[in-house]
Amino acid sequence: MKECIEYDFPGAYVNVLEKGQVYLSLVKPSDNLLTAHQLFQLLYAKKKDEKILRLLI
């Protein structure tokens, strides 16, 4: 995780606990939701992006 944060690699990281099937469901994105990258920036960026912060207001 440290390398992902340091080099700005957002995304979903998983650990396989047991062998089996995975089911995914796609949903229509909302206009007022943050992307994974925006959330990553809010949590870990040293300098916060004002545009992203305004999405939270």
PDB file of N, CA and C in Angstrom:
ATOM      1  N   MET A   1       0.816  -1.185   0.000  1.00  0.00           N
ATOM      2  CA  MET A   1       0.000   0.000   0.000  1.00  0.00           C
ATOM      3  C   MET A   1       0.865   1.256   0.000  1.00  0.00           C
ATOM      4  N   LYS A   2       2.005   1.206   0.713  1.00  0.00           N
ATOM      5  CA  LYS A   2       2.853   2.394   0.782  1.00  0.00           C
ATOM      6  C   LYS A   2       3.273   2.851  -0.604  1.00  0.00           C
ATOM      7  N   GLU A   3       3.654   1.911  -1.459  1.00  0.00           N
ATOM      8  CA  GLU A   3       4.072   2.263  -2.811  1.00  0.00           C
ATOM      9  C   GLU A   3       2.918   2.836  -3.615  1.00  0.00           C
ATOM     10  N   CYS A   4       1.734   2.289  -3.449  1.00  0.00           N
ATOM     11  CA  CYS A   4       0.555   2.780  -4.162  1.00  0.00           C
ATOM     12  C   CYS A   4       0.259   4.220  -3.774  1.00  0.00           C
ATOM     13  N   ILE A   5       0.357   4.524  -2.494  1.00  0.00           N
ATOM     14  CA  ILE A   5       0.107   5.880  -2.019  1.00  0.00           C
ATOM     15  C   ILE A   5       1.205   6.820  -2.503  1.00  0.00           C
ATOM     16  N   GLU A   6       2.443   6.394  -2.371  1.00  0.00           N
ATOM     17  CA  GLU A   6       3.573   7.240  -2.755  1.00  0.00           C
ATOM     18  C   GLU A   6       3.561   7.599  -4.236  1.00  0.00           C
ATOM     19  N   TYR A   7       3.182   6.650  -5.074  1.00  0.00           N
ATOM     20  CA  TYR A   7       3.215   6.879  -6.518  1.00  0.00           C
ATOM     21  C   TYR A   7       1.845   7.175  -7.117  1.00  0.00           C
ATOM     22  N   ASP A   8       0.844   7.416  -6.259  1.00  0.00           N
ATOM     23  CA  ASP A   8      -0.487   7.826  -6.708  1.00  0.00           C
ATOM     24  C   ASP A   8      -1.155   6.791  -7.612  1.00  0.00           C
ATOM     25  N   PHE A   9      -1.264   5.556  -7.105  1.00  0.00           N
ATOM     26  CA  PHE A   9      -1.927   4.471  -7.822  1.00  0.00           C
ATOM     27  C   PHE A   9      -3.217   4.087  -7.092  1.00  0.00           C
ATOM     28  N   PRO A  10      -4.319   4.794  -7.364  1.00  0.00           N
ATOM     29  CA  PRO A  10      -5.565   4.437  -6.708  1.00  0.00           C
ATOM     30  C   PRO A  10      -6.174   3.188  -7.337  1.00  0.00           C
ATOM     31  N   GLY A  11      -7.113   2.614  -6.654  1.00  0.00           N
ATOM     32  CA  GLY A  11      -7.814   1.467  -7.223  1.00  0.00           C
ATOM     33  C   GLY A  11      -8.344   0.569  -6.124  1.00  0.00           C
ATOM     34  N   ALA A  12      -8.771  -0.582  -6.519  1.00  0.00           N
ATOM     35  CA  ALA A  12      -9.279  -1.571  -5.573  1.00  0.00           C
ATOM     36  C   ALA A  12      -8.230  -2.662  -5.404  1.00  0.00           C
ATOM     37  N   TYR A  13      -7.881  -2.939  -4.188  1.00  0.00           N
ATOM     38  CA  TYR A  13      -6.888  -3.952  -3.890  1.00  0.00           C
ATOM     39  C   TYR A  13      -7.571  -5.028  -3.064  1.00  0.00           C
ATOM     40  N   VAL A  14      -7.421  -6.253  -3.484  1.00  0.00           N
ATOM     41  CA  VAL A  14      -8.118  -7.341  -2.815  1.00  0.00           C
ATOM     42  C   VAL A  14      -7.148  -8.442  -2.426  1.00  0.00           C
ATOM     43  N   ASN A  15      -7.563  -9.230  -1.483  1.00  0.00           N
ATOM     44  CA  ASN A  15      -6.817 -10.393  -1.045  1.00  0.00           C
ATOM     45  C   ASN A  15      -7.743 -11.596  -1.190  1.00  0.00           C
ATOM     46  N   VAL A  16      -7.299 -12.636  -1.843  1.00  0.00           N
ATOM     47  CA  VAL A  16      -8.116 -13.828  -2.043  1.00  0.00           C
ATOM     48  C   VAL A  16      -8.058 -14.669  -0.767  1.00  0.00           C
ATOM     49  N   LEU A  17      -9.230 -14.892  -0.182  1.00  0.00           N
ATOM     50  CA  LEU A  17      -9.306 -15.666   1.048  1.00  0.00           C
ATOM     51  C   LEU A  17      -9.568 -17.139   0.775  1.00  0.00           C
ATOM     52  N   GLU A  18     -10.336 -17.386  -0.280  1.00  0.00           N
ATOM     53  CA  GLU A  18     -10.601 -18.776  -0.654  1.00  0.00           C
ATOM     54  C   GLU A  18     -10.990 -18.819  -2.129  1.00  0.00           C
ATOM     55  N   LYS A  19     -10.746 -19.946  -2.738  1.00  0.00           N
ATOM     56  CA  LYS A  19     -11.074 -20.133  -4.150  1.00  0.00           C
ATOM     57  C   LYS A  19     -12.588 -20.150  -4.324  1.00  0.00           C
ATOM     58  N   GLY A  20     -13.066 -19.493  -5.383  1.00  0.00           N
ATOM     59  CA  GLY A  20     -14.493 -19.475  -5.642  1.00  0.00           C
ATOM     60  C   GLY A  20     -14.828 -18.508  -6.755  1.00  0.00           C
ATOM     61  N   GLN A  21     -16.101 -18.315  -6.980  1.00  0.00           N
ATOM     62  CA  GLN A  21     -16.551 -17.417  -8.029  1.00  0.00           C
ATOM     63  C   GLN A  21     -16.771 -16.012  -7.481  1.00  0.00           C
ATOM     64  N   VAL A  22     -16.580 -15.037  -8.347  1.00  0.00           N
ATOM     65  CA  VAL A  22     -16.807 -13.639  -8.003  1.00  0.00           C
ATOM     66  C   VAL A  22     -17.915 -13.116  -8.907  1.00  0.00           C
ATOM     67  N   TYR A  23     -18.880 -12.433  -8.326  1.00  0.00           N
ATOM     68  CA  TYR A  23     -19.978 -11.856  -9.090  1.00  0.00           C
ATOM     69  C   TYR A  23     -19.877 -10.337  -9.034  1.00  0.00           C
ATOM     70  N   LEU A  24     -19.980  -9.715 -10.171  1.00  0.00           N
ATOM     71  CA  LEU A  24     -19.920  -8.262 -10.250  1.00  0.00           C
ATOM     72  C   LEU A  24     -21.248  -7.727 -10.751  1.00  0.00           C
ATOM     73  N   SER A  25     -21.588  -6.559 -10.270  1.00  0.00           N
ATOM     74  CA  SER A  25     -22.803  -5.896 -10.717  1.00  0.00           C
ATOM     75  C   SER A  25     -22.445  -4.469 -11.107  1.00  0.00           C
ATOM     76  N   LEU A  26     -22.825  -4.063 -12.302  1.00  0.00           N
ATOM     77  CA  LEU A  26     -22.545  -2.709 -12.754  1.00  0.00           C
ATOM     78  C   LEU A  26     -23.741  -1.819 -12.436  1.00  0.00           C
ATOM     79  N   VAL A  27     -23.445  -0.635 -11.972  1.00  0.00           N
ATOM     80  CA  VAL A  27     -24.499   0.328 -11.666  1.00  0.00           C
ATOM     81  C   VAL A  27     -24.229   1.608 -12.437  1.00  0.00           C
ATOM     82  N   LYS A  28     -25.284   2.362 -12.675  1.00  0.00           N
ATOM     83  CA  LYS A  28     -25.145   3.638 -13.373  1.00  0.00           C
ATOM     84  C   LYS A  28     -24.511   4.640 -12.404  1.00  0.00           C
ATOM     85  N   PRO A  29     -23.391   5.253 -12.791  1.00  0.00           N
ATOM     86  CA  PRO A  29     -22.750   6.216 -11.896  1.00  0.00           C
ATOM     87  C   PRO A  29     -23.600   7.474 -11.713  1.00  0.00           C
ATOM     88  N   SER A  30     -23.531   8.032 -10.540  1.00  0.00           N
ATOM     89  CA  SER A  30     -24.245   9.264 -10.228  1.00  0.00           C
ATOM     90  C   SER A  30     -23.342  10.456 -10.525  1.00  0.00           C
ATOM     91  N   ASP A  31     -23.940  11.576 -10.834  1.00  0.00           N
ATOM     92  CA  ASP A  31     -23.162  12.779 -11.121  1.00  0.00           C
ATOM     93  C   ASP A  31     -22.486  13.351  -9.872  1.00  0.00           C
ATOM     94  N   ASN A  32     -22.977  13.015  -8.701  1.00  0.00           N
ATOM     95  CA  ASN A  32     -22.423  13.619  -7.492  1.00  0.00           C
ATOM     96  C   ASN A  32     -21.581  12.649  -6.651  1.00  0.00           C
ATOM     97  N   LEU A  33     -21.105  11.593  -7.245  1.00  0.00           N
ATOM     98  CA  LEU A  33     -20.239  10.664  -6.528  1.00  0.00           C
ATOM     99  C   LEU A  33     -18.784  10.920  -6.873  1.00  0.00           C
ATOM    100  N   LEU A  34     -17.900  10.618  -5.946  1.00  0.00           N
ATOM    101  CA  LEU A  34     -16.470  10.729  -6.193  1.00  0.00           C
ATOM    102  C   LEU A  34     -15.979   9.492  -6.938  1.00  0.00           C
ATOM    103  N   THR A  35     -14.988   9.686  -7.784  1.00  0.00           N
ATOM    104  CA  THR A  35     -14.338   8.542  -8.426  1.00  0.00           C
ATOM    105  C   THR A  35     -13.359   7.932  -7.429  1.00  0.00           C
ATOM    106  N   ALA A  36     -12.868   6.741  -7.724  1.00  0.00           N
ATOM    107  CA  ALA A  36     -11.862   6.106  -6.868  1.00  0.00           C
ATOM    108  C   ALA A  36     -10.622   6.989  -6.771  1.00  0.00           C
ATOM    109  N   HIS A  37     -10.250   7.602  -7.883  1.00  0.00           N
ATOM    110  CA  HIS A  37      -9.066   8.458  -7.884  1.00  0.00           C
ATOM    111  C   HIS A  37      -9.283   9.706  -7.030  1.00  0.00           C
ATOM    112  N   GLN A  38     -10.457  10.310  -7.088  1.00  0.00           N
ATOM    113  CA  GLN A  38     -10.741  11.496  -6.276  1.00  0.00           C
ATOM    114  C   GLN A  38     -10.713  11.151  -4.787  1.00  0.00           C
ATOM    115  N   LEU A  39     -11.291  10.030  -4.410  1.00  0.00           N
ATOM    116  CA  LEU A  39     -11.275   9.606  -3.015  1.00  0.00           C
ATOM    117  C   LEU A  39      -9.844   9.354  -2.553  1.00  0.00           C
ATOM    118  N   PHE A  40      -9.066   8.702  -3.402  1.00  0.00           N
ATOM    119  CA  PHE A  40      -7.660   8.443  -3.108  1.00  0.00           C
ATOM    120  C   PHE A  40      -6.928   9.760  -2.859  1.00  0.00           C
ATOM    121  N   GLN A  41      -7.172  10.753  -3.723  1.00  0.00           N
ATOM    122  CA  GLN A  41      -6.542  12.060  -3.572  1.00  0.00           C
ATOM    123  C   GLN A  41      -6.939  12.714  -2.243  1.00  0.00           C
ATOM    124  N   LEU A  42      -8.215  12.636  -1.883  1.00  0.00           N
ATOM    125  CA  LEU A  42      -8.666  13.222  -0.620  1.00  0.00           C
ATOM    126  C   LEU A  42      -8.007  12.574   0.585  1.00  0.00           C
ATOM    127  N   LEU A  43      -7.808  11.277   0.507  1.00  0.00           N
ATOM    128  CA  LEU A  43      -7.239  10.558   1.639  1.00  0.00           C
ATOM    129  C   LEU A  43      -5.729  10.715   1.745  1.00  0.00           C
ATOM    130  N   TYR A  44      -5.031  10.708   0.610  1.00  0.00           N
ATOM    131  CA  TYR A  44      -3.585  10.546   0.673  1.00  0.00           C
ATOM    132  C   TYR A  44      -2.749  11.668   0.058  1.00  0.00           C
ATOM    133  N   ALA A  45      -3.321  12.542  -0.736  1.00  0.00           N
ATOM    134  CA  ALA A  45      -2.523  13.592  -1.378  1.00  0.00           C
ATOM    135  C   ALA A  45      -2.009  14.577  -0.338  1.00  0.00           C
ATOM    136  N   LYS A  46      -0.758  14.963  -0.488  1.00  0.00           N
ATOM    137  CA  LYS A  46      -0.184  15.935   0.434  1.00  0.00           C
ATOM    138  C   LYS A  46      -0.837  17.299   0.246  1.00  0.00           C
ATOM    139  N   LYS A  47      -1.124  17.662  -0.996  1.00  0.00           N
ATOM    140  CA  LYS A  47      -1.811  18.921  -1.291  1.00  0.00           C
ATOM    141  C   LYS A  47      -3.193  18.566  -1.843  1.00  0.00           C
ATOM    142  N   LYS A  48      -4.237  18.972  -1.144  1.00  0.00           N
ATOM    143  CA  LYS A  48      -5.604  18.637  -1.531  1.00  0.00           C
ATOM    144  C   LYS A  48      -6.064  19.492  -2.706  1.00  0.00           C
ATOM    145  N   ASP A  49      -6.772  18.866  -3.636  1.00  0.00           N
ATOM    146  CA  ASP A  49      -7.317  19.551  -4.806  1.00  0.00           C
ATOM    147  C   ASP A  49      -8.612  20.255  -4.402  1.00  0.00           C
ATOM    148  N   GLU A  50      -8.645  21.577  -4.560  1.00  0.00           N
ATOM    149  CA  GLU A  50      -9.813  22.355  -4.141  1.00  0.00           C
ATOM    150  C   GLU A  50     -11.084  21.930  -4.881  1.00  0.00           C
ATOM    151  N   LYS A  51     -10.964  21.558  -6.149  1.00  0.00           N
ATOM    152  CA  LYS A  51     -12.142  21.127  -6.919  1.00  0.00           C
ATOM    153  C   LYS A  51     -12.770  19.880  -6.307  1.00  0.00           C
ATOM    154  N   ILE A  52     -11.939  18.964  -5.871  1.00  0.00           N
ATOM    155  CA  ILE A  52     -12.444  17.733  -5.247  1.00  0.00           C
ATOM    156  C   ILE A  52     -13.075  18.066  -3.893  1.00  0.00           C
ATOM    157  N   LEU A  53     -12.438  18.932  -3.134  1.00  0.00           N
ATOM    158  CA  LEU A  53     -12.999  19.316  -1.831  1.00  0.00           C
ATOM    159  C   LEU A  53     -14.368  19.960  -1.994  1.00  0.00           C
ATOM    160  N   ARG A  54     -14.557  20.739  -3.048  1.00  0.00           N
ATOM    161  CA  ARG A  54     -15.841  21.400  -3.271  1.00  0.00           C
ATOM    162  C   ARG A  54     -16.948  20.389  -3.585  1.00  0.00           C
ATOM    163  N   LEU A  55     -16.593  19.223  -4.143  1.00  0.00           N
ATOM    164  CA  LEU A  55     -17.596  18.185  -4.411  1.00  0.00           C
ATOM    165  C   LEU A  55     -18.223  17.674  -3.121  1.00  0.00           C
ATOM    166  N   LEU A  56     -17.523  17.793  -2.035  1.00  0.00           N
ATOM    167  CA  LEU A  56     -18.030  17.298  -0.761  1.00  0.00           C
ATOM    168  C   LEU A  56     -19.003  18.244  -0.075  1.00  0.00           C
ATOM    169  N   ILE A  57     -18.993  19.479  -0.504  1.00  0.00           N
ATOM    170  CA  ILE A  57     -19.852  20.490   0.135  1.00  0.00           C
ATOM    171  C   ILE A  57     -21.269  20.406  -0.409  1.00  0.00           C
TER     172      ILE A  57
END
